[in-house]
Amino acid sequence: MSEAVSFGDDETDALARGAEALAVIFSGRIDDRVPIPMPSALKGRPGVVLPAGVSAKILLWNAMLAAGLRKADLARRLGMSPTLVDRLLDLHHSSRIEQIEAALAALGQRLVVDVRAA
């Protein structure tokens, strides 16, 4: 993805700043109602790892778009206020993973977590 450029005092710092840069870019994609691309293969290069909650929210967003739903539609399906759905899709807001799982379930999806070597 060439939309983000990062910097830092060292690689760790640059990758952390890169994660924040991606969250800002992806928030803009949510505002624009466009899908968020999945990560490409690193092919030996260093890569940014997003927090699990942010990744889950991105998957929720993409599932909503694939289903042709708007935030208001999801709010109705979940029986919650549109404000709470806004927070659920806000990449800078800390949401409980159970809430994201419930939203995915309302879309006929389920969240699967994987662990990989660091």
N, C-alpha and C. Protein backbone atom coordinates (compact mmCIF):
# COMPACT_ATOMS: atom_id res chain seq x y z
N MET A 1 0.85 -1.17 0.00
CA MET A 1 0.00 0.00 0.00
C MET A 1 0.89 1.23 0.00
N SER A 2 0.70 2.11 -0.90
CA SER A 2 1.56 3.28 -1.01
C SER A 2 0.92 4.54 -0.45
N GLU A 3 -0.15 4.40 0.30
CA GLU A 3 -0.82 5.56 0.87
C GLU A 3 -0.16 6.04 2.16
N ALA A 4 0.66 5.22 2.77
CA ALA A 4 1.25 5.56 4.05
C ALA A 4 2.77 5.53 3.98
N VAL A 5 3.37 6.49 4.63
CA VAL A 5 4.82 6.54 4.78
C VAL A 5 5.08 6.74 6.27
N SER A 6 6.06 6.04 6.79
CA SER A 6 6.36 6.13 8.21
C SER A 6 7.82 6.48 8.43
N PHE A 7 8.12 6.89 9.64
CA PHE A 7 9.48 7.22 10.04
C PHE A 7 9.62 6.89 11.51
N GLY A 8 10.82 6.91 12.02
CA GLY A 8 11.02 6.68 13.44
C GLY A 8 12.48 6.68 13.80
N ASP A 9 12.75 6.66 15.09
CA ASP A 9 14.12 6.63 15.59
C ASP A 9 14.80 5.30 15.26
N ASP A 10 13.98 4.23 15.13
CA ASP A 10 14.48 2.92 14.75
C ASP A 10 13.34 2.17 14.08
N GLU A 11 13.58 0.94 13.66
CA GLU A 11 12.55 0.18 12.94
C GLU A 11 11.31 -0.03 13.78
N THR A 12 11.46 -0.34 15.06
CA THR A 12 10.31 -0.56 15.94
C THR A 12 9.45 0.70 16.03
N ASP A 13 10.09 1.85 16.20
CA ASP A 13 9.37 3.11 16.27
C ASP A 13 8.66 3.41 14.95
N ALA A 14 9.34 3.18 13.84
CA ALA A 14 8.75 3.43 12.52
C ALA A 14 7.54 2.52 12.28
N LEU A 15 7.62 1.28 12.69
CA LEU A 15 6.50 0.36 12.51
C LEU A 15 5.31 0.75 13.38
N ALA A 16 5.58 1.21 14.60
CA ALA A 16 4.49 1.67 15.47
C ALA A 16 3.81 2.90 14.87
N ARG A 17 4.60 3.82 14.35
CA ARG A 17 4.03 5.00 13.70
C ARG A 17 3.29 4.60 12.43
N GLY A 18 3.79 3.58 11.76
CA GLY A 18 3.11 3.08 10.57
C GLY A 18 1.74 2.52 10.88
N ALA A 19 1.61 1.84 12.00
CA ALA A 19 0.31 1.30 12.41
C ALA A 19 -0.68 2.44 12.63
N GLU A 20 -0.22 3.51 13.26
CA GLU A 20 -1.11 4.66 13.48
C GLU A 20 -1.46 5.32 12.15
N ALA A 21 -0.50 5.44 11.25
CA ALA A 21 -0.77 6.03 9.93
C ALA A 21 -1.82 5.21 9.18
N LEU A 22 -1.71 3.89 9.25
CA LEU A 22 -2.70 3.04 8.58
C LEU A 22 -4.08 3.19 9.21
N ALA A 23 -4.14 3.30 10.53
CA ALA A 23 -5.43 3.48 11.19
C ALA A 23 -6.10 4.77 10.73
N VAL A 24 -5.32 5.82 10.55
CA VAL A 24 -5.88 7.10 10.06
C VAL A 24 -6.38 6.93 8.62
N ILE A 25 -5.58 6.31 7.78
CA ILE A 25 -5.98 6.10 6.38
C ILE A 25 -7.23 5.21 6.31
N PHE A 26 -7.25 4.15 7.10
CA PHE A 26 -8.39 3.24 7.07
C PHE A 26 -9.65 3.90 7.62
N SER A 27 -9.50 4.78 8.59
CA SER A 27 -10.65 5.54 9.10
C SER A 27 -11.25 6.39 7.98
N GLY A 28 -10.38 6.97 7.15
CA GLY A 28 -10.85 7.75 6.01
C GLY A 28 -11.60 6.87 5.01
N ARG A 29 -11.15 5.65 4.83
CA ARG A 29 -11.85 4.73 3.93
C ARG A 29 -13.24 4.40 4.47
N ILE A 30 -13.34 4.24 5.78
CA ILE A 30 -14.65 4.00 6.39
C ILE A 30 -15.54 5.22 6.15
N ASP A 31 -15.02 6.41 6.37
CA ASP A 31 -15.79 7.63 6.13
C ASP A 31 -16.25 7.73 4.67
N ASP A 32 -15.41 7.26 3.75
CA ASP A 32 -15.72 7.32 2.32
C ASP A 32 -16.54 6.12 1.84
N ARG A 33 -16.83 5.18 2.75
CA ARG A 33 -17.60 3.97 2.44
C ARG A 33 -16.94 3.11 1.36
N VAL A 34 -15.64 2.91 1.48
CA VAL A 34 -14.93 2.04 0.54
C VAL A 34 -14.25 0.92 1.32
N PRO A 35 -14.03 -0.23 0.67
CA PRO A 35 -13.39 -1.35 1.37
C PRO A 35 -11.96 -1.02 1.78
N ILE A 36 -11.52 -1.72 2.80
CA ILE A 36 -10.15 -1.60 3.27
C ILE A 36 -9.40 -2.84 2.77
N PRO A 37 -8.30 -2.64 2.06
CA PRO A 37 -7.59 -3.80 1.49
C PRO A 37 -6.95 -4.67 2.58
N MET A 38 -6.89 -5.95 2.28
CA MET A 38 -6.21 -6.88 3.17
C MET A 38 -4.71 -6.76 2.94
N PRO A 39 -3.91 -7.14 3.92
CA PRO A 39 -2.46 -7.00 3.79
C PRO A 39 -1.89 -7.83 2.64
N SER A 40 -0.86 -7.30 2.03
CA SER A 40 -0.18 -8.04 0.97
C SER A 40 0.98 -8.83 1.58
N ALA A 41 1.49 -9.77 0.83
CA ALA A 41 2.62 -10.58 1.30
C ALA A 41 3.83 -9.69 1.53
N LEU A 42 4.54 -9.92 2.62
CA LEU A 42 5.69 -9.08 2.97
C LEU A 42 6.95 -9.45 2.18
N LYS A 43 7.05 -10.69 1.78
CA LYS A 43 8.21 -11.14 0.99
C LYS A 43 9.54 -10.75 1.64
N GLY A 44 9.64 -11.01 2.95
CA GLY A 44 10.88 -10.75 3.66
C GLY A 44 11.05 -9.33 4.18
N ARG A 45 10.15 -8.43 3.81
CA ARG A 45 10.24 -7.04 4.28
C ARG A 45 9.57 -6.89 5.63
N PRO A 46 9.95 -5.89 6.42
CA PRO A 46 9.25 -5.66 7.68
C PRO A 46 7.83 -5.19 7.39
N GLY A 47 6.93 -5.50 8.30
CA GLY A 47 5.54 -5.11 8.09
C GLY A 47 4.89 -4.60 9.36
N VAL A 48 3.87 -3.83 9.18
CA VAL A 48 3.11 -3.26 10.29
C VAL A 48 2.09 -4.28 10.77
N VAL A 49 2.01 -4.45 12.06
CA VAL A 49 0.99 -5.32 12.66
C VAL A 49 0.00 -4.42 13.39
N LEU A 50 -1.25 -4.49 12.95
CA LEU A 50 -2.28 -3.68 13.59
C LEU A 50 -2.77 -4.38 14.86
N PRO A 51 -3.22 -3.61 15.85
CA PRO A 51 -3.80 -4.23 17.03
C PRO A 51 -4.98 -5.13 16.65
N ALA A 52 -5.21 -6.18 17.42
CA ALA A 52 -6.27 -7.16 17.11
C ALA A 52 -7.64 -6.49 17.00
N GLY A 53 -7.94 -5.55 17.88
CA GLY A 53 -9.23 -4.87 17.83
C GLY A 53 -9.42 -4.08 16.55
N VAL A 54 -8.37 -3.41 16.11
CA VAL A 54 -8.43 -2.64 14.85
C VAL A 54 -8.63 -3.60 13.68
N SER A 55 -7.90 -4.69 13.68
CA SER A 55 -8.05 -5.68 12.60
C SER A 55 -9.47 -6.24 12.56
N ALA A 56 -10.04 -6.53 13.74
CA ALA A 56 -11.40 -7.07 13.80
C ALA A 56 -12.41 -6.04 13.29
N LYS A 57 -12.20 -4.77 13.60
CA LYS A 57 -13.10 -3.72 13.12
C LYS A 57 -13.01 -3.58 11.60
N ILE A 58 -11.82 -3.72 11.06
CA ILE A 58 -11.65 -3.66 9.60
C ILE A 58 -12.40 -4.82 8.95
N LEU A 59 -12.29 -6.00 9.52
CA LEU A 59 -13.02 -7.15 8.98
C LEU A 59 -14.52 -6.94 9.06
N LEU A 60 -14.99 -6.36 10.16
CA LEU A 60 -16.41 -6.04 10.30
C LEU A 60 -16.83 -5.04 9.23
N TRP A 61 -16.04 -4.00 9.03
CA TRP A 61 -16.36 -3.00 8.02
C TRP A 61 -16.47 -3.63 6.63
N ASN A 62 -15.49 -4.43 6.27
CA ASN A 62 -15.52 -5.06 4.96
C ASN A 62 -16.70 -6.01 4.80
N ALA A 63 -17.07 -6.71 5.88
CA ALA A 63 -18.23 -7.60 5.84
C ALA A 63 -19.52 -6.80 5.65
N MET A 64 -19.61 -5.65 6.31
CA MET A 64 -20.79 -4.78 6.13
C MET A 64 -20.92 -4.35 4.68
N LEU A 65 -19.82 -3.88 4.11
CA LEU A 65 -19.86 -3.44 2.71
C LEU A 65 -20.23 -4.58 1.78
N ALA A 66 -19.65 -5.75 2.01
CA ALA A 66 -19.94 -6.91 1.15
C ALA A 66 -21.42 -7.29 1.22
N ALA A 67 -22.04 -7.06 2.39
CA ALA A 67 -23.46 -7.36 2.56
C ALA A 67 -24.35 -6.21 2.07
N GLY A 68 -23.73 -5.11 1.66
CA GLY A 68 -24.50 -3.96 1.18
C GLY A 68 -25.20 -3.20 2.29
N LEU A 69 -24.64 -3.26 3.49
CA LEU A 69 -25.26 -2.61 4.65
C LEU A 69 -24.59 -1.29 4.99
N ARG A 70 -25.39 -0.41 5.57
CA ARG A 70 -24.90 0.85 6.12
C ARG A 70 -24.83 0.71 7.65
N LYS A 71 -24.24 1.70 8.29
CA LYS A 71 -24.16 1.67 9.75
C LYS A 71 -25.54 1.59 10.37
N ALA A 72 -26.50 2.33 9.81
CA ALA A 72 -27.87 2.33 10.35
C ALA A 72 -28.50 0.93 10.25
N ASP A 73 -28.20 0.22 9.17
CA ASP A 73 -28.72 -1.15 9.01
C ASP A 73 -28.17 -2.06 10.10
N LEU A 74 -26.87 -1.94 10.36
CA LEU A 74 -26.25 -2.77 11.39
C LEU A 74 -26.82 -2.41 12.76
N ALA A 75 -27.03 -1.13 13.01
CA ALA A 75 -27.61 -0.70 14.28
C ALA A 75 -28.98 -1.35 14.49
N ARG A 76 -29.80 -1.38 13.45
CA ARG A 76 -31.12 -2.02 13.56
C ARG A 76 -30.98 -3.51 13.83
N ARG A 77 -30.08 -4.17 13.12
CA ARG A 77 -29.88 -5.61 13.32
C ARG A 77 -29.42 -5.94 14.74
N LEU A 78 -28.61 -5.05 15.31
CA LEU A 78 -28.07 -5.29 16.65
C LEU A 78 -28.96 -4.73 17.75
N GLY A 79 -29.95 -3.93 17.38
CA GLY A 79 -30.81 -3.29 18.38
C GLY A 79 -30.05 -2.29 19.22
N MET A 80 -29.12 -1.58 18.59
CA MET A 80 -28.34 -0.57 19.33
C MET A 80 -28.42 0.76 18.60
N SER A 81 -28.04 1.79 19.29
CA SER A 81 -28.10 3.12 18.70
C SER A 81 -27.02 3.29 17.63
N PRO A 82 -27.29 4.16 16.64
CA PRO A 82 -26.28 4.43 15.62
C PRO A 82 -24.96 4.94 16.22
N THR A 83 -25.04 5.66 17.33
CA THR A 83 -23.83 6.17 17.98
C THR A 83 -22.94 5.02 18.45
N LEU A 84 -23.55 3.96 18.98
CA LEU A 84 -22.76 2.81 19.43
C LEU A 84 -22.13 2.08 18.25
N VAL A 85 -22.83 2.02 17.12
CA VAL A 85 -22.25 1.40 15.93
C VAL A 85 -21.10 2.26 15.41
N ASP A 86 -21.26 3.57 15.47
CA ASP A 86 -20.15 4.47 15.08
C ASP A 86 -18.91 4.16 15.90
N ARG A 87 -19.08 3.97 17.20
CA ARG A 87 -17.94 3.64 18.07
C ARG A 87 -17.36 2.28 17.74
N LEU A 88 -18.26 1.35 17.39
CA LEU A 88 -17.82 0.00 17.06
C LEU A 88 -16.94 0.00 15.82
N LEU A 89 -17.15 0.95 14.93
CA LEU A 89 -16.36 1.04 13.69
C LEU A 89 -15.28 2.12 13.76
N ASP A 90 -15.17 2.80 14.89
CA ASP A 90 -14.13 3.81 15.07
C ASP A 90 -12.82 3.10 15.43
N LEU A 91 -11.85 3.19 14.54
CA LEU A 91 -10.60 2.47 14.74
C LEU A 91 -9.77 3.02 15.89
N HIS A 92 -10.13 4.18 16.38
CA HIS A 92 -9.40 4.78 17.51
C HIS A 92 -10.15 4.62 18.83
N HIS A 93 -11.31 3.97 18.78
CA HIS A 93 -12.10 3.73 19.99
C HIS A 93 -11.90 2.28 20.42
N SER A 94 -11.69 2.07 21.69
CA SER A 94 -11.48 0.73 22.22
C SER A 94 -12.85 0.06 22.43
N SER A 95 -13.14 -0.95 21.63
CA SER A 95 -14.40 -1.70 21.76
C SER A 95 -14.09 -3.09 22.30
N ARG A 96 -15.07 -3.65 22.99
CA ARG A 96 -14.91 -5.02 23.47
C ARG A 96 -15.00 -5.98 22.28
N ILE A 97 -14.16 -6.97 22.25
CA ILE A 97 -14.13 -7.91 21.14
C ILE A 97 -15.46 -8.65 21.03
N GLU A 98 -16.15 -8.84 22.16
CA GLU A 98 -17.46 -9.50 22.14
C GLU A 98 -18.48 -8.69 21.33
N GLN A 99 -18.39 -7.37 21.38
CA GLN A 99 -19.29 -6.52 20.60
C GLN A 99 -19.02 -6.69 19.10
N ILE A 100 -17.76 -6.77 18.74
CA ILE A 100 -17.40 -6.96 17.33
C ILE A 100 -17.87 -8.34 16.87
N GLU A 101 -17.69 -9.35 17.72
CA GLU A 101 -18.16 -10.69 17.38
C GLU A 101 -19.67 -10.72 17.18
N ALA A 102 -20.42 -10.03 18.04
CA ALA A 102 -21.87 -9.97 17.91
C ALA A 102 -22.28 -9.28 16.61
N ALA A 103 -21.57 -8.22 16.24
CA ALA A 103 -21.87 -7.52 15.00
C ALA A 103 -21.58 -8.42 13.80
N LEU A 104 -20.47 -9.13 13.83
CA LEU A 104 -20.15 -10.06 12.76
C LEU A 104 -21.19 -11.18 12.68
N ALA A 105 -21.65 -11.67 13.82
CA ALA A 105 -22.67 -12.72 13.84
C ALA A 105 -23.97 -12.22 13.21
N ALA A 106 -24.29 -10.95 13.42
CA ALA A 106 -25.49 -10.37 12.80
C ALA A 106 -25.37 -10.31 11.29
N LEU A 107 -24.14 -10.43 10.78
CA LEU A 107 -23.88 -10.44 9.34
C LEU A 107 -23.65 -11.87 8.82
N GLY A 108 -23.85 -12.85 9.71
CA GLY A 108 -23.63 -14.24 9.31
C GLY A 108 -22.16 -14.61 9.23
N GLN A 109 -21.33 -13.89 9.96
CA GLN A 109 -19.89 -14.12 9.96
C GLN A 109 -19.43 -14.43 11.39
N ARG A 110 -18.23 -14.99 11.50
CA ARG A 110 -17.65 -15.20 12.83
C ARG A 110 -16.18 -14.83 12.77
N LEU A 111 -15.68 -14.34 13.87
CA LEU A 111 -14.29 -13.94 13.99
C LEU A 111 -13.45 -15.15 14.38
N VAL A 112 -12.35 -15.36 13.66
CA VAL A 112 -11.43 -16.45 13.95
C VAL A 112 -10.08 -15.82 14.25
N VAL A 113 -9.50 -16.20 15.37
CA VAL A 113 -8.21 -15.63 15.80
C VAL A 113 -7.11 -16.65 15.53
N ASP A 114 -5.96 -16.15 15.12
CA ASP A 114 -4.83 -17.01 14.80
C ASP A 114 -3.59 -16.47 15.50
N VAL A 115 -2.69 -17.33 15.87
CA VAL A 115 -1.43 -16.93 16.48
C VAL A 115 -0.30 -17.36 15.55
N ARG A 116 0.64 -16.46 15.34
CA ARG A 116 1.78 -16.74 14.47
C ARG A 116 3.07 -16.35 15.17
N ALA A 117 4.16 -16.93 14.74
CA ALA A 117 5.46 -16.58 15.32
C ALA A 117 5.76 -15.12 15.08
N ALA A 118 6.37 -14.48 16.06
CA ALA A 118 6.68 -13.04 15.94
C ALA A 118 7.86 -12.82 15.04
